[in-house]
């Protein structure tokens, strides 16, 4: 099966997780970190004590009971992590009927979307998918990428996120803005940030940024490494 790669905005969206075992807990944490509007959890077993901090969040609820069809009301996205084939298929079919995004863990044939392996460095997210053919290969590739992408990428993104609005605020032509931003990302910034050489980072900024922004360099570097 072929998939269309997409990143979904979960802000103000209702999400449901059925099953709160080890896999379910990882899915719950991921939804929370992704800014889901609400995360409701259903499991036939009592909540694990280690979930206390998660369940203390205002937008997270937990109910110890069986899944009901009505649990899908007003849902945008559903993840099922149960050990019951019957329950998994039921959830999958109901979500398909209602047009709800549905993921049944480790059973791509029951899913309307699959969750890729990811590498995260701050605001940088690299997603890897094998279209469900080999999760093991996806994990291997993720490991290789984790070794290739260090925390300096997160710091560079912070820097670029600070530079961009200041640059756009100058009112220059789009082509000029693009040239400046490309100059920065193609420069030696990553290596200098990795080595915590802020003086060198400052010099690169002076070389690449318009003169009007040179006064902003100290604030651009604040807390960067």
C-alpha atoms as a PDB file:
ATOM      1  CA  UNK A   1       0.000   0.000   0.000  1.00  0.00           C
ATOM      2  CA  UNK A   2       1.189   3.517  -0.785  1.00  0.00           C
ATOM      3  CA  UNK A   3       0.796   6.370   1.662  1.00  0.00           C
ATOM      4  CA  UNK A   4       0.691  10.136   1.319  1.00  0.00           C
ATOM      5  CA  UNK A   5       3.202  11.645   3.789  1.00  0.00           C
ATOM      6  CA  UNK A   6       1.554  14.294   5.928  1.00  0.00           C
ATOM      7  CA  UNK A   7       1.952  16.114   9.253  1.00  0.00           C
ATOM      8  CA  UNK A   8      -1.374  16.694  11.022  1.00  0.00           C
ATOM      9  CA  UNK A   9      -2.325  19.669  13.195  1.00  0.00           C
ATOM     10  CA  UNK A  10      -4.014  18.285  16.341  1.00  0.00           C
ATOM     11  CA  UNK A  11      -4.665  21.627  18.014  1.00  0.00           C
ATOM     12  CA  UNK A  12      -8.234  21.700  19.381  1.00  0.00           C
ATOM     13  CA  UNK A  13      -8.768  18.169  18.042  1.00  0.00           C
ATOM     14  CA  UNK A  14     -10.299  15.347  20.079  1.00  0.00           C
ATOM     15  CA  UNK A  15      -8.146  12.205  20.212  1.00  0.00           C
ATOM     16  CA  UNK A  16      -8.911   8.786  21.694  1.00  0.00           C
ATOM     17  CA  UNK A  17      -6.500   6.035  22.719  1.00  0.00           C
ATOM     18  CA  UNK A  18      -7.976   2.611  23.444  1.00  0.00           C
ATOM     19  CA  UNK A  19      -5.493   0.531  25.414  1.00  0.00           C
ATOM     20  CA  UNK A  20      -2.899   1.999  27.760  1.00  0.00           C
ATOM     21  CA  UNK A  21      -0.219  -0.663  27.887  1.00  0.00           C
ATOM     22  CA  UNK A  22       3.424   0.094  27.125  1.00  0.00           C
ATOM     23  CA  UNK A  23       2.726   0.882  23.476  1.00  0.00           C
ATOM     24  CA  UNK A  24      -0.400   2.838  24.354  1.00  0.00           C
ATOM     25  CA  UNK A  25       1.519   4.982  26.837  1.00  0.00           C
ATOM     26  CA  UNK A  26       4.032   5.919  24.152  1.00  0.00           C
ATOM     27  CA  UNK A  27       1.202   6.873  21.798  1.00  0.00           C
ATOM     28  CA  UNK A  28      -0.455   8.950  24.516  1.00  0.00           C
ATOM     29  CA  UNK A  29       2.781  10.789  25.246  1.00  0.00           C
ATOM     30  CA  UNK A  30       3.309  11.432  21.551  1.00  0.00           C
ATOM     31  CA  UNK A  31      -0.186  12.907  21.154  1.00  0.00           C
ATOM     32  CA  UNK A  32       0.369  15.192  24.132  1.00  0.00           C
ATOM     33  CA  UNK A  33       3.753  16.342  22.810  1.00  0.00           C
ATOM     34  CA  UNK A  34       2.116  17.002  19.433  1.00  0.00           C
ATOM     35  CA  UNK A  35      -0.332  19.452  21.004  1.00  0.00           C
ATOM     36  CA  UNK A  36      -3.537  17.415  20.796  1.00  0.00           C
ATOM     37  CA  UNK A  37      -6.549  19.384  22.003  1.00  0.00           C
ATOM     38  CA  UNK A  38      -7.756  16.507  24.167  1.00  0.00           C
ATOM     39  CA  UNK A  39      -6.600  12.945  24.778  1.00  0.00           C
ATOM     40  CA  UNK A  40      -9.127  10.518  26.241  1.00  0.00           C
ATOM     41  CA  UNK A  41      -7.900   7.079  27.284  1.00  0.00           C
ATOM     42  CA  UNK A  42      -9.901   3.888  27.740  1.00  0.00           C
ATOM     43  CA  UNK A  43      -8.525   0.634  29.131  1.00  0.00           C
ATOM     44  CA  UNK A  44     -10.043  -2.356  30.869  1.00  0.00           C
ATOM     45  CA  UNK A  45      -7.197  -2.228  33.383  1.00  0.00           C
ATOM     46  CA  UNK A  46      -6.629   0.491  35.993  1.00  0.00           C
ATOM     47  CA  UNK A  47      -4.229   3.246  35.013  1.00  0.00           C
ATOM     48  CA  UNK A  48      -0.562   2.553  35.642  1.00  0.00           C
ATOM     49  CA  UNK A  49       0.678   4.692  38.583  1.00  0.00           C
ATOM     50  CA  UNK A  50       3.480   6.031  36.386  1.00  0.00           C
ATOM     51  CA  UNK A  51       0.798   7.761  34.289  1.00  0.00           C
ATOM     52  CA  UNK A  52      -0.125  10.042  37.202  1.00  0.00           C
ATOM     53  CA  UNK A  53       1.597  13.122  35.786  1.00  0.00           C
ATOM     54  CA  UNK A  54      -0.077  12.637  32.407  1.00  0.00           C
ATOM     55  CA  UNK A  55      -3.524  12.101  33.914  1.00  0.00           C
ATOM     56  CA  UNK A  56      -3.108  15.275  35.959  1.00  0.00           C
ATOM     57  CA  UNK A  57      -3.217  17.309  32.743  1.00  0.00           C
ATOM     58  CA  UNK A  58      -6.491  19.152  32.188  1.00  0.00           C
ATOM     59  CA  UNK A  59      -6.938  17.885  28.633  1.00  0.00           C
ATOM     60  CA  UNK A  60      -6.317  14.200  29.435  1.00  0.00           C
ATOM     61  CA  UNK A  61      -8.917  11.769  30.834  1.00  0.00           C
ATOM     62  CA  UNK A  62      -8.856   8.071  31.712  1.00  0.00           C
ATOM     63  CA  UNK A  63     -11.723   5.598  32.076  1.00  0.00           C
ATOM     64  CA  UNK A  64     -11.305   2.008  33.234  1.00  0.00           C
ATOM     65  CA  UNK A  65     -13.931   0.129  31.207  1.00  0.00           C
ATOM     66  CA  UNK A  66     -14.713  -1.564  27.901  1.00  0.00           C
ATOM     67  CA  UNK A  67     -14.770   0.395  24.653  1.00  0.00           C
ATOM     68  CA  UNK A  68     -18.185   1.619  23.495  1.00  0.00           C
ATOM     69  CA  UNK A  69     -19.226   2.744  20.029  1.00  0.00           C
ATOM     70  CA  UNK A  70     -20.244   6.132  21.437  1.00  0.00           C
ATOM     71  CA  UNK A  71     -16.617   6.721  22.458  1.00  0.00           C
ATOM     72  CA  UNK A  72     -15.961   7.687  18.842  1.00  0.00           C
ATOM     73  CA  UNK A  73     -18.351  10.624  18.949  1.00  0.00           C
ATOM     74  CA  UNK A  74     -16.625  13.932  18.123  1.00  0.00           C
ATOM     75  CA  UNK A  75     -13.245  12.272  17.554  1.00  0.00           C
ATOM     76  CA  UNK A  76     -10.746  13.477  15.000  1.00  0.00           C
ATOM     77  CA  UNK A  77      -8.171  10.731  15.539  1.00  0.00           C
ATOM     78  CA  UNK A  78      -8.251   7.313  17.218  1.00  0.00           C
ATOM     79  CA  UNK A  79      -5.431   4.947  18.148  1.00  0.00           C
ATOM     80  CA  UNK A  80      -6.197   1.406  19.301  1.00  0.00           C
ATOM     81  CA  UNK A  81      -3.586  -0.613  21.171  1.00  0.00           C
ATOM     82  CA  UNK A  82      -5.691  -3.501  22.471  1.00  0.00           C
ATOM     83  CA  UNK A  83      -4.862  -7.205  22.486  1.00  0.00           C
ATOM     84  CA  UNK A  84      -8.351  -8.037  21.174  1.00  0.00           C
ATOM     85  CA  UNK A  85      -8.585  -8.656  17.433  1.00  0.00           C
ATOM     86  CA  UNK A  86     -12.347  -8.248  17.646  1.00  0.00           C
ATOM     87  CA  UNK A  87     -12.137  -4.851  19.347  1.00  0.00           C
ATOM     88  CA  UNK A  88      -9.445  -3.652  16.952  1.00  0.00           C
ATOM     89  CA  UNK A  89     -11.521  -4.551  13.881  1.00  0.00           C
ATOM     90  CA  UNK A  90     -14.611  -3.027  15.420  1.00  0.00           C
ATOM     91  CA  UNK A  91     -12.840   0.257  16.054  1.00  0.00           C
ATOM     92  CA  UNK A  92     -11.297   0.198  12.578  1.00  0.00           C
ATOM     93  CA  UNK A  93     -14.637  -0.405  10.843  1.00  0.00           C
ATOM     94  CA  UNK A  94     -16.493   2.192  12.895  1.00  0.00           C
ATOM     95  CA  UNK A  95     -13.831   4.819  12.214  1.00  0.00           C
ATOM     96  CA  UNK A  96     -13.972   4.037   8.492  1.00  0.00           C
ATOM     97  CA  UNK A  97     -17.748   4.514   8.510  1.00  0.00           C
ATOM     98  CA  UNK A  98     -17.443   7.852  10.296  1.00  0.00           C
ATOM     99  CA  UNK A  99     -14.421   9.195   8.452  1.00  0.00           C
ATOM    100  CA  UNK A 100     -12.242   9.252  11.570  1.00  0.00           C
ATOM    101  CA  UNK A 101      -8.477   8.924  11.277  1.00  0.00           C
ATOM    102  CA  UNK A 102      -7.638   5.526  12.770  1.00  0.00           C
ATOM    103  CA  UNK A 103      -4.453   3.691  13.640  1.00  0.00           C
ATOM    104  CA  UNK A 104      -4.441   0.116  14.921  1.00  0.00           C
ATOM    105  CA  UNK A 105      -0.967  -0.495  16.289  1.00  0.00           C
ATOM    106  CA  UNK A 106       1.108  -3.003  14.280  1.00  0.00           C
ATOM    107  CA  UNK A 107      -1.835  -3.821  11.994  1.00  0.00           C
ATOM    108  CA  UNK A 108      -1.581  -1.549   8.936  1.00  0.00           C
ATOM    109  CA  UNK A 109      -4.390  -3.362   7.128  1.00  0.00           C
ATOM    110  CA  UNK A 110      -6.789  -1.951   9.731  1.00  0.00           C
ATOM    111  CA  UNK A 111      -5.429   1.614   9.568  1.00  0.00           C
ATOM    112  CA  UNK A 112      -6.388   4.730   7.665  1.00  0.00           C
ATOM    113  CA  UNK A 113      -2.958   6.097   8.622  1.00  0.00           C
ATOM    114  CA  UNK A 114       0.271   4.700   9.993  1.00  0.00           C
ATOM    115  CA  UNK A 115       2.666   6.385  12.412  1.00  0.00           C
ATOM    116  CA  UNK A 116       6.196   6.616  11.003  1.00  0.00           C
ATOM    117  CA  UNK A 117       9.398   6.164  12.935  1.00  0.00           C
ATOM    118  CA  UNK A 118      10.704   9.625  13.760  1.00  0.00           C
ATOM    119  CA  UNK A 119      13.874  11.430  14.724  1.00  0.00           C
ATOM    120  CA  UNK A 120      13.292  14.659  16.651  1.00  0.00           C
ATOM    121  CA  UNK A 121      15.737  17.425  17.372  1.00  0.00           C
ATOM    122  CA  UNK A 122      13.833  20.356  18.816  1.00  0.00           C
ATOM    123  CA  UNK A 123      11.442  21.558  16.118  1.00  0.00           C
ATOM    124  CA  UNK A 124      13.059  19.314  13.522  1.00  0.00           C
ATOM    125  CA  UNK A 125      11.136  16.112  12.844  1.00  0.00           C
ATOM    126  CA  UNK A 126      12.374  13.549  10.328  1.00  0.00           C
ATOM    127  CA  UNK A 127       9.829  10.822   9.561  1.00  0.00           C
ATOM    128  CA  UNK A 128      10.650   7.382   8.136  1.00  0.00           C
ATOM    129  CA  UNK A 129       8.113   4.991   6.662  1.00  0.00           C
ATOM    130  CA  UNK A 130       8.447   1.635   4.912  1.00  0.00           C
ATOM    131  CA  UNK A 131       4.695   1.597   4.094  1.00  0.00           C
ATOM    132  CA  UNK A 132       4.253  -0.995   6.806  1.00  0.00           C
ATOM    133  CA  UNK A 133       6.509  -3.521   5.085  1.00  0.00           C
ATOM    134  CA  UNK A 134       9.323  -3.518   7.616  1.00  0.00           C
ATOM    135  CA  UNK A 135       9.119  -1.634  10.932  1.00  0.00           C
ATOM    136  CA  UNK A 136      12.508  -3.185  11.752  1.00  0.00           C
ATOM    137  CA  UNK A 137      14.097  -1.446   8.772  1.00  0.00           C
ATOM    138  CA  UNK A 138      12.437   1.839   9.713  1.00  0.00           C
ATOM    139  CA  UNK A 139      13.970   1.525  13.183  1.00  0.00           C
ATOM    140  CA  UNK A 140      17.398   0.828  11.708  1.00  0.00           C
ATOM    141  CA  UNK A 141      17.179   3.899   9.483  1.00  0.00           C
ATOM    142  CA  UNK A 142      15.996   5.949  12.451  1.00  0.00           C
ATOM    143  CA  UNK A 143      19.046   4.853  14.438  1.00  0.00           C
ATOM    144  CA  UNK A 144      21.332   5.913  11.588  1.00  0.00           C
ATOM    145  CA  UNK A 145      19.613   9.298  11.359  1.00  0.00           C
ATOM    146  CA  UNK A 146      19.829   9.775  15.132  1.00  0.00           C
ATOM    147  CA  UNK A 147      23.578   9.432  14.821  1.00  0.00           C
ATOM    148  CA  UNK A 148      23.695  11.851  11.880  1.00  0.00           C
ATOM    149  CA  UNK A 149      21.443  14.591  13.253  1.00  0.00           C
ATOM    150  CA  UNK A 150      22.767  15.987  16.531  1.00  0.00           C
ATOM    151  CA  UNK A 151      21.316  18.606  18.856  1.00  0.00           C
ATOM    152  CA  UNK A 152      23.066  21.296  16.837  1.00  0.00           C
ATOM    153  CA  UNK A 153      20.213  20.979  14.337  1.00  0.00           C
ATOM    154  CA  UNK A 154      17.737  21.984  17.033  1.00  0.00           C
ATOM    155  CA  UNK A 155      19.903  24.992  17.911  1.00  0.00           C
ATOM    156  CA  UNK A 156      20.232  26.012  14.271  1.00  0.00           C
ATOM    157  CA  UNK A 157      16.444  25.871  13.911  1.00  0.00           C
ATOM    158  CA  UNK A 158      16.091  28.115  16.960  1.00  0.00           C
ATOM    159  CA  UNK A 159      18.502  30.576  15.355  1.00  0.00           C
ATOM    160  CA  UNK A 160      16.736  30.480  11.988  1.00  0.00           C
ATOM    161  CA  UNK A 161      13.405  30.944  13.729  1.00  0.00           C
ATOM    162  CA  UNK A 162      14.763  34.130  15.306  1.00  0.00           C
ATOM    163  CA  UNK A 163      16.365  35.442  12.130  1.00  0.00           C
ATOM    164  CA  UNK A 164      13.464  34.926   9.728  1.00  0.00           C
ATOM    165  CA  UNK A 165      10.892  37.365  11.197  1.00  0.00           C
ATOM    166  CA  UNK A 166      13.566  40.052  11.650  1.00  0.00           C
ATOM    167  CA  UNK A 167      14.665  39.612   8.055  1.00  0.00           C
ATOM    168  CA  UNK A 168      11.125  39.671   6.679  1.00  0.00           C
ATOM    169  CA  UNK A 169      10.460  42.798   8.723  1.00  0.00           C
ATOM    170  CA  UNK A 170      12.998  44.718   6.646  1.00  0.00           C
ATOM    171  CA  UNK A 171      10.672  44.625   3.653  1.00  0.00           C
ATOM    172  CA  UNK A 172      13.277  43.377   1.189  1.00  0.00           C
ATOM    173  CA  UNK A 173      12.382  41.487  -1.977  1.00  0.00           C
ATOM    174  CA  UNK A 174      11.505  37.812  -1.600  1.00  0.00           C
ATOM    175  CA  UNK A 175      14.504  36.829  -3.719  1.00  0.00           C
ATOM    176  CA  UNK A 176      16.822  38.748  -1.380  1.00  0.00           C
ATOM    177  CA  UNK A 177      15.327  37.127   1.727  1.00  0.00           C
ATOM    178  CA  UNK A 178      15.663  33.698   0.137  1.00  0.00           C
ATOM    179  CA  UNK A 179      19.306  34.338  -0.714  1.00  0.00           C
ATOM    180  CA  UNK A 180      20.125  35.369   2.868  1.00  0.00           C
ATOM    181  CA  UNK A 181      18.365  32.386   4.433  1.00  0.00           C
ATOM    182  CA  UNK A 182      19.972  29.930   2.025  1.00  0.00           C
ATOM    183  CA  UNK A 183      23.348  31.491   2.688  1.00  0.00           C
ATOM    184  CA  UNK A 184      22.897  30.845   6.405  1.00  0.00           C
ATOM    185  CA  UNK A 185      21.767  27.219   6.150  1.00  0.00           C
ATOM    186  CA  UNK A 186      24.512  26.438   3.630  1.00  0.00           C
ATOM    187  CA  UNK A 187      27.203  28.097   5.737  1.00  0.00           C
ATOM    188  CA  UNK A 188      29.410  26.590   8.435  1.00  0.00           C
ATOM    189  CA  UNK A 189      26.854  27.443  11.148  1.00  0.00           C
ATOM    190  CA  UNK A 190      26.099  23.829  12.068  1.00  0.00           C
ATOM    191  CA  UNK A 191      29.737  22.970  12.688  1.00  0.00           C
ATOM    192  CA  UNK A 192      30.328  26.147  14.673  1.00  0.00           C
ATOM    193  CA  UNK A 193      27.216  25.580  16.797  1.00  0.00           C
ATOM    194  CA  UNK A 194      28.248  21.964  17.366  1.00  0.00           C
ATOM    195  CA  UNK A 195      31.617  23.195  18.627  1.00  0.00           C
ATOM    196  CA  UNK A 196      29.926  25.907  20.749  1.00  0.00           C
ATOM    197  CA  UNK A 197      31.992  28.566  18.970  1.00  0.00           C
ATOM    198  CA  UNK A 198      29.656  31.533  19.388  1.00  0.00           C
ATOM    199  CA  UNK A 199      32.220  34.066  18.175  1.00  0.00           C
ATOM    200  CA  UNK A 200      32.462  32.165  14.892  1.00  0.00           C
ATOM    201  CA  UNK A 201      28.668  31.973  14.687  1.00  0.00           C
ATOM    202  CA  UNK A 202      28.495  35.738  15.173  1.00  0.00           C
ATOM    203  CA  UNK A 203      30.984  36.287  12.349  1.00  0.00           C
ATOM    204  CA  UNK A 204      28.936  34.143   9.969  1.00  0.00           C
ATOM    205  CA  UNK A 205      25.839  36.140  10.864  1.00  0.00           C
ATOM    206  CA  UNK A 206      27.675  39.402  10.184  1.00  0.00           C
ATOM    207  CA  UNK A 207      28.773  38.110   6.789  1.00  0.00           C
ATOM    208  CA  UNK A 208      25.308  36.902   5.777  1.00  0.00           C
ATOM    209  CA  UNK A 209      22.797  39.254   7.384  1.00  0.00           C
ATOM    210  CA  UNK A 210      21.920  42.747   6.141  1.00  0.00           C
ATOM    211  CA  UNK A 211      23.755  45.452   8.077  1.00  0.00           C
ATOM    212  CA  UNK A 212      20.486  46.605   9.698  1.00  0.00           C
ATOM    213  CA  UNK A 213      20.322  43.320  11.633  1.00  0.00           C
ATOM    214  CA  UNK A 214      23.865  43.333  12.984  1.00  0.00           C
ATOM    215  CA  UNK A 215      22.622  45.055  16.132  1.00  0.00           C
ATOM    216  CA  UNK A 216      20.360  42.034  16.739  1.00  0.00           C
ATOM    217  CA  UNK A 217      23.152  39.458  16.718  1.00  0.00           C
ATOM    218  CA  UNK A 218      23.593  39.326  20.538  1.00  0.00           C
ATOM    219  CA  UNK A 219      19.897  38.509  21.025  1.00  0.00           C
ATOM    220  CA  UNK A 220      20.023  35.993  18.181  1.00  0.00           C
ATOM    221  CA  UNK A 221      22.808  34.146  20.005  1.00  0.00           C
ATOM    222  CA  UNK A 222      21.270  34.355  23.484  1.00  0.00           C
ATOM    223  CA  UNK A 223      21.061  30.867  25.024  1.00  0.00           C
ATOM    224  CA  UNK A 224      21.807  29.206  21.698  1.00  0.00           C
ATOM    225  CA  UNK A 225      24.392  26.744  23.045  1.00  0.00           C
END
